[in-house]
C-alpha atoms as a PDB file:
ATOM      1  CA  MET A   1     116.522 -10.235 -94.785  1.00  0.00           C
ATOM      2  CA  ILE A   2     115.734  -7.254 -93.074  1.00  0.00           C
ATOM      3  CA  ARG A   3     112.434  -9.654 -92.098  1.00  0.00           C
ATOM      4  CA  ASN A   4     114.784 -12.603 -91.682  1.00  0.00           C
ATOM      5  CA  LEU A   5     116.935 -10.471 -89.045  1.00  0.00           C
ATOM      6  CA  ALA A   6     114.555  -8.689 -86.921  1.00  0.00           C
ATOM      7  CA  ARG A   7     112.938 -12.693 -86.068  1.00  0.00           C
ATOM      8  CA  VAL A   8     116.705 -13.678 -85.020  1.00  0.00           C
ATOM      9  CA  VAL A   9     116.845 -10.263 -82.980  1.00  0.00           C
ATOM     10  CA  LEU A  10     113.236 -11.342 -81.490  1.00  0.00           C
ATOM     11  CA  ALA A  11     113.975 -14.418 -81.326  1.00  0.00           C
ATOM     12  CA  ALA A  12     117.300 -13.194 -79.012  1.00  0.00           C
ATOM     13  CA  ILE A  13     115.509 -10.847 -77.260  1.00  0.00           C
ATOM     14  CA  VAL A  14     112.755 -13.839 -76.204  1.00  0.00           C
ATOM     15  CA  SER A  15     115.527 -16.154 -75.221  1.00  0.00           C
ATOM     16  CA  ALA A  16     117.310 -13.488 -73.057  1.00  0.00           C
ATOM     17  CA  LEU A  17     113.998 -12.521 -71.529  1.00  0.00           C
ATOM     18  CA  LEU A  18     113.540 -16.331 -70.280  1.00  0.00           C
ATOM     19  CA  VAL A  19     116.896 -16.841 -69.794  1.00  0.00           C
ATOM     20  CA  ALA A  20     115.975 -13.219 -66.672  1.00  0.00           C
ATOM     21  CA  ALA A  21     112.431 -15.245 -65.815  1.00  0.00           C
ATOM     22  CA  TRP A  22     114.124 -18.299 -65.034  1.00  0.00           C
ATOM     23  CA  THR A  23     116.945 -17.242 -63.197  1.00  0.00           C
ATOM     24  CA  THR A  24     115.121 -14.679 -61.074  1.00  0.00           C
ATOM     25  CA  TYR A  25     112.863 -17.475 -60.835  1.00  0.00           C
ATOM     26  CA  ARG A  26     115.800 -19.394 -59.181  1.00  0.00           C
ATOM     27  CA  ILE A  27     117.545 -17.077 -57.072  1.00  0.00           C
ATOM     28  CA  TRP A  28     114.347 -16.327 -55.185  1.00  0.00           C
ATOM     29  CA  ASP A  29     113.420 -20.424 -54.946  1.00  0.00           C
ATOM     30  CA  VAL A  30     117.023 -20.682 -53.633  1.00  0.00           C
ATOM     31  CA  GLY A  31     116.811 -17.854 -50.932  1.00  0.00           C
ATOM     32  CA  ASN A  32     113.256 -18.858 -49.811  1.00  0.00           C
ATOM     33  CA  HIS A  33     115.364 -22.469 -48.657  1.00  0.00           C
ATOM     34  CA  ASP A  34     116.586 -22.631 -45.038  1.00  0.00           C
ATOM     35  CA  ASP A  35     119.021 -25.664 -45.110  1.00  0.00           C
ATOM     36  CA  PRO A  36     120.978 -25.610 -42.043  1.00  0.00           C
ATOM     37  CA  SER A  37     122.089 -29.325 -42.220  1.00  0.00           C
ATOM     38  CA  ALA A  38     125.584 -31.011 -39.242  1.00  0.00           C
ATOM     39  CA  ALA A  39     128.061 -29.466 -41.370  1.00  0.00           C
ATOM     40  CA  ASP A  40     132.294 -29.059 -40.416  1.00  0.00           C
ATOM     41  CA  ALA A  41     131.549 -25.395 -41.176  1.00  0.00           C
ATOM     42  CA  ILE A  42     129.030 -22.159 -40.957  1.00  0.00           C
ATOM     43  CA  VAL A  43     130.358 -19.476 -43.534  1.00  0.00           C
ATOM     44  CA  VAL A  44     129.706 -16.065 -42.957  1.00  0.00           C
ATOM     45  CA  LEU A  45     129.559 -13.754 -45.933  1.00  0.00           C
ATOM     46  CA  GLY A  46     131.339 -11.001 -45.390  1.00  0.00           C
ATOM     47  CA  ALA A  47     129.667  -7.078 -45.972  1.00  0.00           C
ATOM     48  CA  ALA A  48     130.660  -3.767 -44.947  1.00  0.00           C
ATOM     49  CA  GLN A  49     132.006  -2.468 -41.601  1.00  0.00           C
ATOM     50  CA  TYR A  50     132.398   0.524 -40.479  1.00  0.00           C
ATOM     51  CA  ASN A  51     135.913   0.942 -37.816  1.00  0.00           C
ATOM     52  CA  GLY A  52     134.858  -2.687 -36.309  1.00  0.00           C
ATOM     53  CA  ARG A  53     131.235  -1.130 -35.853  1.00  0.00           C
ATOM     54  CA  PRO A  54     129.091  -4.529 -38.328  1.00  0.00           C
ATOM     55  CA  SER A  55     126.934  -3.184 -41.417  1.00  0.00           C
ATOM     56  CA  THR A  56     122.526  -3.738 -40.591  1.00  0.00           C
ATOM     57  CA  ILE A  57     123.554  -6.101 -43.412  1.00  0.00           C
ATOM     58  CA  LEU A  58     126.841  -8.350 -42.030  1.00  0.00           C
ATOM     59  CA  LYS A  59     125.139  -8.060 -38.581  1.00  0.00           C
ATOM     60  CA  ALA A  60     121.849  -9.612 -40.215  1.00  0.00           C
ATOM     61  CA  ARG A  61     124.046 -12.344 -41.147  1.00  0.00           C
ATOM     62  CA  LEU A  62     126.075 -13.366 -37.841  1.00  0.00           C
ATOM     63  CA  GLU A  63     122.981 -12.985 -35.693  1.00  0.00           C
ATOM     64  CA  HIS A  64     122.035 -15.634 -37.997  1.00  0.00           C
ATOM     65  CA  ALA A  65     124.881 -17.592 -38.052  1.00  0.00           C
ATOM     66  CA  ILE A  66     125.623 -17.041 -34.332  1.00  0.00           C
ATOM     67  CA  ASP A  67     121.931 -18.513 -33.788  1.00  0.00           C
ATOM     68  CA  LEU A  68     122.820 -21.800 -36.232  1.00  0.00           C
ATOM     69  CA  TYR A  69     126.587 -22.166 -34.043  1.00  0.00           C
ATOM     70  CA  HIS A  70     124.288 -22.213 -30.875  1.00  0.00           C
ATOM     71  CA  ASP A  71     122.472 -24.890 -32.232  1.00  0.00           C
ATOM     72  CA  GLY A  72     124.784 -27.574 -32.960  1.00  0.00           C
ATOM     73  CA  VAL A  73     125.036 -27.208 -36.842  1.00  0.00           C
ATOM     74  CA  ALA A  74     128.937 -26.875 -36.794  1.00  0.00           C
ATOM     75  CA  ARG A  75     132.160 -26.662 -34.706  1.00  0.00           C
ATOM     76  CA  TYR A  76     133.769 -23.799 -36.795  1.00  0.00           C
ATOM     77  CA  VAL A  77     132.136 -20.257 -38.071  1.00  0.00           C
ATOM     78  CA  ILE A  78     134.190 -18.924 -40.480  1.00  0.00           C
ATOM     79  CA  VAL A  79     133.654 -15.297 -41.264  1.00  0.00           C
ATOM     80  CA  THR A  80     135.247 -13.638 -44.373  1.00  0.00           C
ATOM     81  CA  GLY A  81     135.664 -10.210 -45.940  1.00  0.00           C
ATOM     82  CA  GLY A  82     138.879  -8.369 -46.770  1.00  0.00           C
ATOM     83  CA  LYS A  83     139.697  -4.591 -45.948  1.00  0.00           C
ATOM     84  CA  ALA A  84     138.204  -2.009 -48.585  1.00  0.00           C
ATOM     85  CA  ASP A  85     140.508   1.089 -49.282  1.00  0.00           C
ATOM     86  CA  GLY A  86     140.789   3.822 -46.220  1.00  0.00           C
ATOM     87  CA  ASP A  87     138.993   0.923 -44.028  1.00  0.00           C
ATOM     88  CA  LEU A  88     140.803   0.330 -40.513  1.00  0.00           C
ATOM     89  CA  THR A  89     140.014  -3.137 -40.095  1.00  0.00           C
ATOM     90  CA  THR A  90     138.782  -6.015 -41.977  1.00  0.00           C
ATOM     91  CA  GLU A  91     135.026  -7.122 -42.331  1.00  0.00           C
ATOM     92  CA  ALA A  92     136.196 -10.723 -40.826  1.00  0.00           C
ATOM     93  CA  ALA A  93     137.693  -9.121 -37.975  1.00  0.00           C
ATOM     94  CA  SER A  94     134.226  -6.965 -37.498  1.00  0.00           C
ATOM     95  CA  ALA A  95     132.240  -9.922 -37.623  1.00  0.00           C
ATOM     96  CA  ARG A  96     135.095 -12.529 -35.508  1.00  0.00           C
ATOM     97  CA  ALA A  97     134.734  -9.464 -32.848  1.00  0.00           C
ATOM     98  CA  PHE A  98     130.558  -9.703 -32.689  1.00  0.00           C
ATOM     99  CA  ALA A  99     130.678 -13.357 -32.165  1.00  0.00           C
ATOM    100  CA  ILE A 100     132.898 -14.176 -29.757  1.00  0.00           C
ATOM    101  CA  ALA A 101     131.263 -11.159 -27.983  1.00  0.00           C
ATOM    102  CA  ARG A 102     127.786 -12.861 -28.233  1.00  0.00           C
ATOM    103  CA  GLY A 103     129.493 -16.333 -27.118  1.00  0.00           C
ATOM    104  CA  VAL A 104     131.234 -17.654 -29.704  1.00  0.00           C
ATOM    105  CA  PRO A 105     134.185 -19.370 -28.654  1.00  0.00           C
ATOM    106  CA  ALA A 106     137.508 -17.823 -29.982  1.00  0.00           C
ATOM    107  CA  THR A 107     138.843 -21.368 -30.756  1.00  0.00           C
ATOM    108  CA  ALA A 108     135.295 -21.710 -33.217  1.00  0.00           C
ATOM    109  CA  ILE A 109     136.027 -19.033 -35.489  1.00  0.00           C
ATOM    110  CA  LEU A 110     138.285 -19.118 -38.437  1.00  0.00           C
ATOM    111  CA  THR A 111     138.979 -16.157 -40.594  1.00  0.00           C
ATOM    112  CA  GLU A 112     139.320 -15.232 -44.570  1.00  0.00           C
ATOM    113  CA  ASP A 113     140.337 -11.493 -44.763  1.00  0.00           C
ATOM    114  CA  ARG A 114     141.834 -11.302 -47.956  1.00  0.00           C
ATOM    115  CA  GLY A 115     138.942 -11.359 -50.122  1.00  0.00           C
ATOM    116  CA  ARG A 116     137.095  -8.317 -51.173  1.00  0.00           C
ATOM    117  CA  THR A 117     134.224 -10.299 -53.527  1.00  0.00           C
ATOM    118  CA  THR A 118     132.334 -13.289 -52.794  1.00  0.00           C
ATOM    119  CA  LEU A 119     134.492 -15.246 -55.522  1.00  0.00           C
ATOM    120  CA  GLU A 120     137.662 -15.001 -53.751  1.00  0.00           C
ATOM    121  CA  SER A 121     136.016 -14.402 -50.694  1.00  0.00           C
ATOM    122  CA  LEU A 122     134.578 -18.377 -51.266  1.00  0.00           C
ATOM    123  CA  ARG A 123     138.420 -19.411 -53.208  1.00  0.00           C
ATOM    124  CA  GLY A 124     139.593 -18.590 -49.864  1.00  0.00           C
ATOM    125  CA  THR A 125     136.936 -20.624 -47.412  1.00  0.00           C
ATOM    126  CA  ALA A 126     138.159 -23.607 -49.531  1.00  0.00           C
ATOM    127  CA  LEU A 127     141.336 -23.398 -49.369  1.00  0.00           C
ATOM    128  CA  ILE A 128     140.966 -23.063 -45.259  1.00  0.00           C
ATOM    129  CA  LEU A 129     138.322 -25.685 -45.413  1.00  0.00           C
ATOM    130  CA  HIS A 130     141.347 -27.931 -47.382  1.00  0.00           C
ATOM    131  CA  ASP A 131     143.764 -27.706 -45.256  1.00  0.00           C
ATOM    132  CA  ARG A 132     142.099 -28.630 -42.272  1.00  0.00           C
ATOM    133  CA  GLY A 133     140.747 -32.110 -43.880  1.00  0.00           C
ATOM    134  CA  LEU A 134     136.625 -30.172 -43.666  1.00  0.00           C
ATOM    135  CA  GLN A 135     134.277 -30.841 -46.410  1.00  0.00           C
ATOM    136  CA  THR A 136     131.352 -29.418 -46.307  1.00  0.00           C
ATOM    137  CA  ALA A 137     129.824 -26.209 -45.116  1.00  0.00           C
ATOM    138  CA  VAL A 138     126.266 -23.924 -44.322  1.00  0.00           C
ATOM    139  CA  PHE A 139     126.586 -20.999 -46.020  1.00  0.00           C
ATOM    140  CA  VAL A 140     124.784 -17.748 -44.878  1.00  0.00           C
ATOM    141  CA  SER A 141     124.280 -14.358 -46.577  1.00  0.00           C
ATOM    142  CA  ASP A 142     120.790 -12.643 -47.537  1.00  0.00           C
ATOM    143  CA  ARG A 143     118.215 -14.603 -49.532  1.00  0.00           C
ATOM    144  CA  THR A 144     119.096 -13.116 -53.031  1.00  0.00           C
ATOM    145  CA  HIS A 145     122.577 -14.112 -52.525  1.00  0.00           C
ATOM    146  CA  MET A 146     122.462 -17.404 -51.938  1.00  0.00           C
ATOM    147  CA  LEU A 147     122.347 -18.938 -55.183  1.00  0.00           C
ATOM    148  CA  ARG A 148     125.578 -17.539 -56.818  1.00  0.00           C
ATOM    149  CA  VAL A 149     127.018 -18.377 -53.029  1.00  0.00           C
ATOM    150  CA  LEU A 150     126.500 -21.613 -53.876  1.00  0.00           C
ATOM    151  CA  ARG A 151     127.069 -22.114 -56.906  1.00  0.00           C
ATOM    152  CA  ILE A 152     130.256 -20.873 -56.905  1.00  0.00           C
ATOM    153  CA  ALA A 153     130.926 -22.908 -53.862  1.00  0.00           C
ATOM    154  CA  GLU A 154     130.706 -26.074 -55.198  1.00  0.00           C
ATOM    155  CA  ASP A 155     132.524 -25.054 -57.891  1.00  0.00           C
ATOM    156  CA  GLU A 156     135.339 -24.726 -55.547  1.00  0.00           C
ATOM    157  CA  GLY A 157     134.728 -28.363 -54.472  1.00  0.00           C
ATOM    158  CA  ILE A 158     132.564 -27.670 -51.387  1.00  0.00           C
ATOM    159  CA  THR A 159     129.482 -29.147 -50.148  1.00  0.00           C
ATOM    160  CA  ALA A 160     127.303 -26.565 -49.836  1.00  0.00           C
ATOM    161  CA  PHE A 161     124.073 -25.934 -48.165  1.00  0.00           C
ATOM    162  CA  GLY A 162     122.174 -22.737 -47.809  1.00  0.00           C
ATOM    163  CA  SER A 163     121.112 -20.638 -44.376  1.00  0.00           C
ATOM    164  CA  PRO A 164     119.721 -17.158 -45.880  1.00  0.00           C
ATOM    165  CA  THR A 165     118.927 -14.697 -43.265  1.00  0.00           C
ATOM    166  CA  ALA A 166     115.641 -13.396 -43.291  1.00  0.00           C
ATOM    167  CA  THR A 167     116.320 -10.165 -41.912  1.00  0.00           C
ATOM    168  CA  SER A 168     118.649  -8.775 -43.656  1.00  0.00           C
ATOM    169  CA  PRO A 169     117.718  -5.181 -44.920  1.00  0.00           C
ATOM    170  CA  SER A 170     118.731  -5.758 -48.865  1.00  0.00           C
ATOM    171  CA  ASP A 171     115.298  -7.462 -49.222  1.00  0.00           C
ATOM    172  CA  SER A 172     113.052  -5.870 -46.205  1.00  0.00           C
ATOM    173  CA  THR A 173     111.209  -4.232 -49.007  1.00  0.00           C
ATOM    174  CA  VAL A 174     110.130  -5.160 -52.430  1.00  0.00           C
ATOM    175  CA  ASP A 175     111.825  -2.214 -54.111  1.00  0.00           C
ATOM    176  CA  ASP A 176     115.304  -3.177 -52.052  1.00  0.00           C
ATOM    177  CA  ARG A 177     115.240  -6.908 -53.156  1.00  0.00           C
ATOM    178  CA  PHE A 178     114.517  -5.778 -56.217  1.00  0.00           C
ATOM    179  CA  ARG A 179     117.174  -4.305 -56.411  1.00  0.00           C
ATOM    180  CA  SER A 180     119.069  -6.968 -54.938  1.00  0.00           C
ATOM    181  CA  THR A 181     117.895  -9.048 -57.515  1.00  0.00           C
ATOM    182  CA  VAL A 182     118.903  -7.082 -60.591  1.00  0.00           C
ATOM    183  CA  HIS A 183     122.630  -7.132 -58.930  1.00  0.00           C
ATOM    184  CA  GLU A 184     122.566 -11.319 -59.005  1.00  0.00           C
ATOM    185  CA  LEU A 185     121.418 -11.455 -62.359  1.00  0.00           C
ATOM    186  CA  GLY A 186     124.189  -9.302 -63.488  1.00  0.00           C
ATOM    187  CA  ALA A 187     126.664 -11.118 -60.511  1.00  0.00           C
ATOM    188  CA  LEU A 188     125.486 -14.676 -62.220  1.00  0.00           C
ATOM    189  CA  SER A 189     125.447 -13.256 -65.626  1.00  0.00           C
ATOM    190  CA  LEU A 190     129.368 -12.272 -65.696  1.00  0.00           C
ATOM    191  CA  TYR A 191     130.196 -15.053 -63.265  1.00  0.00           C
ATOM    192  CA  PHE A 192     128.972 -17.996 -65.868  1.00  0.00           C
ATOM    193  CA  VAL A 193     130.530 -15.888 -69.114  1.00  0.00           C
ATOM    194  CA  THR A 194     134.288 -14.794 -67.703  1.00  0.00           C
ATOM    195  CA  GLY A 195     134.245 -17.036 -64.232  1.00  0.00           C
ATOM    196  CA  GLU A 196     134.746 -13.748 -62.560  1.00  0.00           C
ATOM    197  CA  SER A 197     131.640 -12.337 -60.176  1.00  0.00           C
ATOM    198  CA  PRO A 198     131.696  -9.395 -58.172  1.00  0.00           C
END
């Protein structure tokens, strides 16, 4: 009986390791593919801001999205992200001001400013797209974040393409990319098991 139990435990451990290895491969594979297909909108996933000043992570995402806009990838840019406790403004408002200062017309920017998680922001984005009769979007975030973003977007009924920024501090070193990958493994597991996502 003990031997059989040990075999079951070993099989479970091996299975978990194989799933983790496959998911890690998928995170890196999707994150290394840039697909800036022509779409209805470019969606920038929010990140920290400091009293209206985008963090280096948010700035990297915005700069990439702005380049895509000026290249004619889409006619709208959707900026996302709400306000944390104690913040004076939202991630979306900071992103909007940054984009306008770099030549994106205010009329081309749509705002999702309530989401505090990736899931909340993508659900809000789906509503914005639906309300305007838009169906396709190019999503901009960090490389390790793209698999989760695209999976949730597709689950929300969006035809989604990924164009990750290659300049984010979140994966600028091996250590940073390792930490980001571990975070994504946990976040993806939570999403698949519970339907929730940070």
